[in-house]
Amino acid sequence: MAKTSKKSDKSVAGLDFLLDPAAHEPHGLCLVAGSEAFLKREVLGAMRRQVGGGDADFAWSAFEGDRAEWRDVADAISSMSLFGGGPPAALVEDADKFVSTYRDALEKFAERPGRGVLVLELSKSIGNTRLGKMAAEHGLVIRCSAPDRGAELTAFVRSAKKWLSQRAIKEHGAKIAPSALDAVFERLPTSLGVLDQEIARLALLAASDGGGKPVIDDALVEEHVGGWRVRTAWEMIDAVADGRAADALRQLDRLLMAGEQPIGVFAQLSSTLRKFADATAVIERAEREGRRPNLREAVEGASFPRFKTADAERQLRQIGRVRAKQLHRRLLESDLALKGHNSPPARARIELERLVVSLSSHAAPSRPS
């Protein structure tokens, strides 16, 4: 009976893992499965830190599922790293095809893993298969899907609120009142990526009010979260990054006419644009170190949500290296202007419009032929 209880403990919901990683130590074969891309990204980040003994710089070997070969993965999980502590570990991303190809080898590893840790990221659960059951018995299975009904949805929402409340303080530097968080959930779809982005935006708005530590309260949610305003704000940011200045200016006009404050719009816009500057810095650092830059790694390293990486890659190409490198300075200038000589509404509007136009496709620097 004790053995059965131990088995059931090896399968855990993604949010429960994030709330208490220490209770679920990654070892042997670990499956991270489900359709919630944002949740999987956070789980994988927490697992990497845990495998590395809390070392934020610990790097496991990463493989693309469509290209990975078992001999290379097996070598990675049997060879001790030359950098830092922790057991030999590897991640296979988008591993559904990899599992189909190397199921026999994976089953053997799951039964006798040794010290190695192998993490497979899957688009759907394989819990009913022999490999899935072996991972639950000998390793760890983390479920990363959002239920859509019943008791499972109730439990998911309860855990999501607890985790997002903690994350608001740790990652976004703001406390969110429980009733305000309830209101956010009532107004937005139950998508962790969407909810986290909105809380990040609210934290920026709370910080722009000045005073002590930012607090997201009911009034802030009531004023800024709701229907078309939320959609329009994110659509405007996408239009800016895509270089579609005309669309972005129309959406900016709608937001300002509806009563949104320019400094609040700028806070949300600048938080995204800074990531493009950060991604460019990642690329240039790779070049200085003699490595071939990887655009996907650059945007992920700049903390773009996993479900936005494809869009971010396209948008970074549109912005271009020259403009992206200048973004930190350009955004600082706009921030100072909006808080200084361009703080009156009419001038603040012009400052935002200038920023939008400066990133348009028509304003892109000409490339040498």
Protein backbone atom coordinates (compact mmCIF):
# COMPACT_ATOMS: atom_id res chain seq x y z
CA MET A 1 0.00 0.00 0.00
CA ALA A 2 2.83 2.40 0.81
CA LYS A 3 4.31 1.79 -2.63
CA THR A 4 1.04 2.75 -4.33
CA SER A 5 0.92 6.03 -2.39
CA LYS A 6 4.46 6.79 -3.44
CA LYS A 7 3.56 6.22 -7.08
CA SER A 8 0.66 8.66 -6.95
CA ASP A 9 2.94 11.34 -5.54
CA LYS A 10 5.09 11.27 -8.70
CA SER A 11 2.41 12.92 -10.87
CA VAL A 12 1.72 16.55 -10.02
CA ALA A 13 -0.11 19.52 -11.51
CA GLY A 14 2.21 22.18 -12.90
CA LEU A 15 1.00 24.92 -10.58
CA ASP A 16 1.38 22.69 -7.53
CA PHE A 17 4.96 22.02 -8.60
CA LEU A 18 5.65 25.76 -8.92
CA LEU A 19 4.12 26.47 -5.52
CA ASP A 20 6.39 23.92 -3.82
CA PRO A 21 9.22 22.66 -6.07
CA ALA A 22 11.14 21.20 -3.13
CA ALA A 23 8.37 18.65 -2.57
CA HIS A 24 8.83 17.22 -6.06
CA GLU A 25 12.49 16.59 -6.80
CA PRO A 26 13.25 15.95 -10.50
CA HIS A 27 15.09 12.65 -11.00
CA GLY A 28 15.28 9.94 -13.61
CA LEU A 29 12.80 10.40 -16.45
CA CYS A 30 10.64 13.52 -16.06
CA LEU A 31 7.68 14.31 -18.32
CA VAL A 32 6.37 17.87 -18.64
CA ALA A 33 3.21 17.46 -20.69
CA GLY A 34 0.29 19.62 -21.73
CA SER A 35 -0.94 22.48 -23.90
CA GLU A 36 -0.28 25.42 -21.51
CA ALA A 37 2.91 26.80 -23.08
CA PHE A 38 3.44 29.51 -20.46
CA LEU A 39 3.02 27.06 -17.60
CA LYS A 40 5.46 24.61 -19.20
CA ARG A 41 8.06 27.35 -19.60
CA GLU A 42 7.82 28.30 -15.93
CA VAL A 43 7.91 24.66 -14.82
CA LEU A 44 11.00 23.94 -16.94
CA GLY A 45 12.76 27.00 -15.54
CA ALA A 46 12.02 25.92 -11.98
CA MET A 47 13.16 22.36 -12.73
CA ARG A 48 16.45 23.58 -14.21
CA ARG A 49 17.20 25.63 -11.09
CA GLN A 50 16.25 22.71 -8.86
CA VAL A 51 18.41 20.21 -10.72
CA GLY A 52 21.27 22.70 -10.50
CA GLY A 53 20.93 22.97 -6.73
CA GLY A 54 19.48 26.48 -6.87
CA ASP A 55 22.14 27.77 -9.26
CA ALA A 56 20.33 30.19 -11.60
CA ASP A 57 23.15 29.83 -14.14
CA PHE A 58 23.03 26.02 -14.25
CA ALA A 59 22.64 24.88 -17.86
CA TRP A 60 21.41 21.47 -18.88
CA SER A 61 21.91 20.07 -22.37
CA ALA A 62 18.98 21.00 -24.61
CA PHE A 63 17.90 19.12 -27.73
CA GLU A 64 15.24 19.74 -30.39
CA GLY A 65 12.89 16.77 -30.51
CA ASP A 66 12.73 16.55 -34.30
CA ARG A 67 16.53 16.39 -34.59
CA ALA A 68 17.64 14.71 -31.37
CA GLU A 69 19.23 11.27 -31.50
CA TRP A 70 19.24 8.93 -28.53
CA ARG A 71 23.00 8.42 -28.51
CA ASP A 72 23.58 12.17 -28.05
CA VAL A 73 20.94 12.48 -25.35
CA ALA A 74 22.23 9.37 -23.56
CA ASP A 75 25.74 10.80 -23.61
CA ALA A 76 24.51 14.08 -22.10
CA ILE A 77 22.77 12.38 -19.17
CA SER A 78 25.72 10.14 -18.39
CA SER A 79 28.51 12.75 -18.53
CA MET A 80 29.11 15.05 -15.58
CA SER A 81 29.07 18.76 -16.40
CA LEU A 82 32.33 20.67 -16.25
CA PHE A 83 30.44 23.73 -15.03
CA GLY A 84 28.65 23.82 -11.69
CA GLY A 85 27.14 21.07 -9.60
CA GLY A 86 24.08 18.94 -10.04
CA PRO A 87 23.61 15.62 -11.83
CA PRO A 88 24.04 15.28 -15.61
CA ALA A 89 20.79 16.55 -17.10
CA ALA A 90 19.19 17.08 -20.49
CA LEU A 91 15.98 18.54 -21.90
CA VAL A 92 14.37 17.38 -25.14
CA GLU A 93 11.95 20.05 -26.39
CA ASP A 94 8.87 19.15 -28.44
CA ALA A 95 9.68 15.52 -27.69
CA ASP A 96 6.54 13.79 -29.03
CA LYS A 97 8.34 12.46 -32.12
CA PHE A 98 11.44 11.63 -30.06
CA VAL A 99 9.31 9.45 -27.75
CA SER A 100 7.79 7.58 -30.69
CA THR A 101 11.21 6.93 -32.21
CA TYR A 102 13.11 5.91 -29.08
CA ARG A 103 10.40 4.44 -26.86
CA ASP A 104 12.32 1.23 -26.06
CA ALA A 105 15.48 3.09 -25.03
CA LEU A 106 13.45 5.53 -22.95
CA GLU A 107 11.67 2.71 -21.12
CA LYS A 108 15.02 1.15 -20.24
CA PHE A 109 16.29 4.49 -18.96
CA ALA A 110 13.09 5.13 -16.99
CA GLU A 111 13.54 1.83 -15.14
CA ARG A 112 17.26 2.33 -14.38
CA PRO A 113 18.18 5.99 -14.79
CA GLY A 114 21.32 6.12 -12.67
CA ARG A 115 22.23 9.70 -11.65
CA GLY A 116 21.06 11.30 -14.90
CA VAL A 117 17.96 13.46 -15.25
CA LEU A 118 16.12 13.49 -18.59
CA VAL A 119 13.25 15.94 -19.08
CA LEU A 120 10.88 15.46 -22.02
CA GLU A 121 8.60 18.34 -23.01
CA LEU A 122 5.43 16.93 -24.58
CA SER A 123 2.38 18.52 -26.18
CA LYS A 124 0.02 15.99 -24.60
CA SER A 125 -0.05 13.46 -21.80
CA ILE A 126 1.23 9.92 -22.31
CA GLY A 127 0.12 8.87 -18.85
CA ASN A 128 -1.78 5.82 -20.10
CA THR A 129 1.22 4.38 -21.94
CA ARG A 130 3.82 2.06 -20.42
CA LEU A 131 6.44 4.81 -20.61
CA GLY A 132 4.14 7.30 -18.91
CA LYS A 133 3.41 4.89 -16.08
CA MET A 134 7.10 4.11 -15.65
CA ALA A 135 7.91 7.83 -15.45
CA ALA A 136 5.23 8.27 -12.79
CA GLU A 137 6.63 5.32 -10.81
CA HIS A 138 10.36 5.97 -11.07
CA GLY A 139 10.65 9.63 -12.05
CA LEU A 140 8.28 12.60 -12.19
CA VAL A 141 5.29 13.60 -14.34
CA ILE A 142 4.15 17.24 -14.36
CA ARG A 143 0.79 18.05 -15.93
CA CYS A 144 0.65 21.42 -17.70
CA SER A 145 -2.86 21.75 -19.11
CA ALA A 146 -5.68 24.06 -18.06
CA PRO A 147 -8.92 22.17 -17.29
CA ASP A 148 -12.12 23.67 -18.68
CA ARG A 149 -14.73 22.46 -16.22
CA GLY A 150 -15.59 20.83 -12.92
CA ALA A 151 -13.56 20.27 -9.79
CA GLU A 152 -10.28 20.23 -11.73
CA LEU A 153 -10.94 23.76 -13.04
CA THR A 154 -11.81 24.95 -9.53
CA ALA A 155 -8.54 23.54 -8.17
CA PHE A 156 -6.58 25.02 -11.10
CA VAL A 157 -8.01 28.51 -10.52
CA ARG A 158 -7.33 28.30 -6.78
CA SER A 159 -3.69 27.34 -7.37
CA ALA A 160 -3.33 29.90 -10.18
CA LYS A 161 -4.47 32.74 -7.92
CA LYS A 162 -2.05 31.72 -5.20
CA TRP A 163 0.89 31.44 -7.61
CA LEU A 164 0.11 34.64 -9.54
CA SER A 165 -0.19 36.53 -6.25
CA GLN A 166 3.29 35.34 -5.25
CA ARG A 167 4.65 36.05 -8.74
CA ALA A 168 3.24 39.59 -8.71
CA ILE A 169 5.49 40.39 -5.75
CA LYS A 170 8.56 38.45 -6.87
CA GLU A 171 8.60 39.21 -10.61
CA HIS A 172 6.55 42.38 -11.02
CA GLY A 173 7.30 44.17 -7.75
CA ALA A 174 3.68 44.77 -6.77
CA LYS A 175 1.21 43.33 -4.30
CA ILE A 176 -2.22 42.44 -5.67
CA ALA A 177 -5.23 42.48 -3.37
CA PRO A 178 -7.16 39.17 -3.31
CA SER A 179 -10.39 40.87 -4.41
CA ALA A 180 -8.53 42.61 -7.26
CA LEU A 181 -7.12 39.27 -8.39
CA ASP A 182 -10.62 37.79 -8.32
CA ALA A 183 -11.78 40.64 -10.56
CA VAL A 184 -8.96 40.02 -13.03
CA PHE A 185 -9.99 36.36 -13.30
CA GLU A 186 -13.61 37.37 -13.85
CA ARG A 187 -12.71 39.70 -16.73
CA LEU A 188 -10.09 37.65 -18.59
CA PRO A 189 -9.84 34.11 -19.99
CA THR A 190 -8.23 31.49 -17.75
CA SER A 191 -4.91 31.56 -19.59
CA LEU A 192 -1.87 31.91 -17.35
CA GLY A 193 0.13 33.76 -19.99
CA VAL A 194 -2.63 36.32 -20.55
CA LEU A 195 -3.26 36.73 -16.81
CA ASP A 196 0.43 37.18 -16.02
CA GLN A 197 0.88 39.79 -18.76
CA GLU A 198 -2.12 41.72 -17.49
CA ILE A 199 -0.86 41.65 -13.89
CA ALA A 200 2.53 42.87 -15.16
CA ARG A 201 0.75 45.76 -16.92
CA LEU A 202 -1.23 46.61 -13.79
CA ALA A 203 1.98 46.56 -11.74
CA LEU A 204 3.49 49.14 -14.11
CA LEU A 205 0.37 51.30 -13.82
CA ALA A 206 0.44 51.03 -10.03
CA ALA A 207 4.12 52.00 -10.00
CA SER A 208 3.48 55.02 -12.24
CA ASP A 209 1.24 56.49 -9.53
CA GLY A 210 4.30 56.99 -7.31
CA GLY A 211 4.31 56.52 -3.55
CA GLY A 212 5.47 53.40 -1.74
CA LYS A 213 5.41 49.79 -2.89
CA PRO A 214 2.93 49.42 -5.78
CA VAL A 215 -0.41 47.85 -4.88
CA ILE A 216 -2.88 46.56 -7.44
CA ASP A 217 -6.28 47.25 -5.92
CA ASP A 218 -9.91 46.91 -7.00
CA ALA A 219 -10.05 50.47 -8.33
CA LEU A 220 -7.06 49.93 -10.63
CA VAL A 221 -8.57 46.73 -12.02
CA GLU A 222 -11.96 48.38 -12.46
CA GLU A 223 -10.40 51.27 -14.40
CA HIS A 224 -7.93 49.40 -16.59
CA VAL A 225 -9.02 45.79 -17.07
CA GLY A 226 -11.92 45.08 -19.29
CA GLY A 227 -12.99 43.97 -22.68
CA TRP A 228 -11.88 46.04 -25.62
CA ARG A 229 -9.33 48.18 -23.72
CA VAL A 230 -7.17 45.18 -22.85
CA ARG A 231 -7.37 43.79 -26.37
CA THR A 232 -6.70 47.19 -27.95
CA ALA A 233 -3.64 47.83 -25.77
CA TRP A 234 -2.01 44.52 -26.73
CA GLU A 235 -3.04 44.92 -30.38
CA MET A 236 -1.45 48.38 -30.38
CA ILE A 237 1.82 46.98 -29.02
CA ASP A 238 1.85 44.24 -31.68
CA ALA A 239 1.17 46.84 -34.38
CA VAL A 240 4.06 49.01 -33.13
CA ALA A 241 6.49 46.08 -33.12
CA ASP A 242 5.24 44.91 -36.53
CA GLY A 243 5.94 48.37 -37.96
CA ARG A 244 2.26 49.02 -38.74
CA ALA A 245 2.28 52.64 -37.59
CA ALA A 246 -1.14 53.57 -39.03
CA ASP A 247 -2.87 50.72 -37.16
CA ALA A 248 -0.95 51.48 -33.97
CA LEU A 249 -1.86 55.19 -34.09
CA ARG A 250 -5.57 54.38 -34.55
CA GLN A 251 -5.51 52.06 -31.54
CA LEU A 252 -3.56 54.61 -29.50
CA ASP A 253 -6.21 57.19 -30.33
CA ARG A 254 -8.98 54.86 -29.13
CA LEU A 255 -7.20 54.25 -25.83
CA LEU A 256 -6.53 57.93 -25.15
CA MET A 257 -10.07 58.95 -26.14
CA ALA A 258 -11.39 56.34 -23.69
CA GLY A 259 -9.48 57.99 -20.86
CA GLU A 260 -6.29 55.92 -20.66
CA GLN A 261 -3.38 58.02 -19.37
CA PRO A 262 -0.39 58.42 -21.73
CA ILE A 263 2.10 57.48 -18.99
CA GLY A 264 0.19 54.23 -18.39
CA VAL A 265 0.10 53.37 -22.10
CA PHE A 266 3.82 54.12 -22.32
CA ALA A 267 4.58 51.88 -19.33
CA GLN A 268 2.96 48.90 -21.01
CA LEU A 269 4.50 49.65 -24.42
CA SER A 270 8.00 50.22 -23.06
CA SER A 271 8.00 47.01 -21.00
CA THR A 272 7.65 45.04 -24.25
CA LEU A 273 10.01 47.17 -26.35
CA ARG A 274 12.80 46.82 -23.77
CA LYS A 275 12.74 43.08 -24.38
CA PHE A 276 13.72 43.65 -28.02
CA ALA A 277 16.74 45.63 -26.84
CA ASP A 278 17.59 42.82 -24.41
CA ALA A 279 17.28 40.20 -27.18
CA THR A 280 19.68 42.21 -29.34
CA ALA A 281 22.16 42.30 -26.47
CA VAL A 282 21.95 38.49 -26.22
CA ILE A 283 22.73 38.20 -29.95
CA GLU A 284 25.71 40.54 -29.76
CA ARG A 285 27.07 38.76 -26.69
CA ALA A 286 26.99 35.47 -28.59
CA GLU A 287 28.90 37.08 -31.46
CA ARG A 288 31.56 38.45 -29.13
CA GLU A 289 32.01 34.98 -27.65
CA GLY A 290 32.47 33.49 -31.12
CA ARG A 291 29.14 31.65 -31.11
CA ARG A 292 26.56 31.67 -33.88
CA PRO A 293 23.58 33.77 -32.72
CA ASN A 294 20.26 31.95 -32.34
CA LEU A 295 17.22 34.21 -32.69
CA ARG A 296 14.92 31.87 -30.75
CA GLU A 297 17.36 31.68 -27.84
CA ALA A 298 17.72 35.47 -27.92
CA VAL A 299 14.00 36.21 -27.58
CA GLU A 300 13.57 33.53 -24.92
CA GLY A 301 16.58 34.97 -23.08
CA ALA A 302 14.86 38.36 -23.15
CA SER A 303 11.89 36.87 -21.23
CA PHE A 304 9.31 36.92 -24.00
CA PRO A 305 6.52 34.46 -23.10
CA ARG A 306 7.00 31.11 -24.83
CA PHE A 307 3.73 31.46 -26.73
CA LYS A 308 4.93 34.81 -28.15
CA THR A 309 8.39 33.76 -29.32
CA ALA A 310 7.46 33.29 -32.99
CA ASP A 311 5.86 36.74 -33.09
CA ALA A 312 8.82 38.24 -31.24
CA GLU A 313 11.29 36.78 -33.74
CA ARG A 314 9.38 38.30 -36.65
CA GLN A 315 9.04 41.65 -34.90
CA LEU A 316 12.72 41.81 -33.96
CA ARG A 317 13.62 41.31 -37.61
CA GLN A 318 11.28 44.18 -38.53
CA ILE A 319 12.71 46.53 -35.91
CA GLY A 320 16.25 45.63 -36.93
CA ARG A 321 19.47 45.63 -34.96
CA VAL A 322 20.20 49.36 -35.34
CA ARG A 323 16.88 50.50 -33.87
CA ALA A 324 16.71 47.71 -31.29
CA LYS A 325 20.13 48.69 -29.89
CA GLN A 326 18.88 52.26 -29.42
CA LEU A 327 15.65 51.33 -27.66
CA HIS A 328 16.89 51.59 -24.06
CA ARG A 329 18.12 55.15 -24.68
CA ARG A 330 15.05 56.08 -26.73
CA LEU A 331 12.66 54.79 -24.07
CA LEU A 332 14.54 56.60 -21.30
CA GLU A 333 14.24 59.86 -23.26
CA SER A 334 10.49 59.33 -23.71
CA ASP A 335 10.03 58.44 -20.04
CA LEU A 336 11.79 61.63 -18.92
CA ALA A 337 9.82 63.70 -21.43
CA LEU A 338 6.46 62.26 -20.33
CA LYS A 339 7.31 63.04 -16.71
CA GLY A 340 8.71 66.46 -17.58
CA HIS A 341 8.22 68.94 -20.41
CA ASN A 342 5.85 66.67 -22.35
CA SER A 343 3.62 65.72 -19.42
CA PRO A 344 0.54 67.76 -20.55
CA PRO A 345 -1.89 65.43 -22.37
CA ALA A 346 -1.50 66.96 -25.84
CA ARG A 347 2.30 66.87 -25.68
CA ALA A 348 2.30 63.40 -24.14
CA ARG A 349 0.22 62.17 -27.06
CA ILE A 350 2.74 63.59 -29.54
CA GLU A 351 5.61 61.92 -27.65
CA LEU A 352 3.88 58.54 -27.93
CA GLU A 353 3.11 59.10 -31.61
CA ARG A 354 6.77 59.90 -32.31
CA LEU A 355 7.81 56.66 -30.66
CA VAL A 356 5.30 54.68 -32.71
CA VAL A 357 6.39 56.25 -36.00
CA SER A 358 10.09 55.77 -35.22
CA LEU A 359 9.56 51.98 -35.24
CA SER A 360 7.43 51.84 -38.38
CA SER A 361 8.49 49.79 -41.37
CA HIS A 362 8.78 53.01 -43.40
CA ALA A 363 11.26 54.45 -40.88
CA ALA A 364 13.57 51.42 -40.94
CA PRO A 365 17.20 52.29 -41.75
CA SER A 366 18.15 51.38 -45.30
CA ARG A 367 20.26 48.25 -45.52
CA PRO A 368 23.43 48.17 -47.58
CA SER A 369 22.92 46.51 -50.95
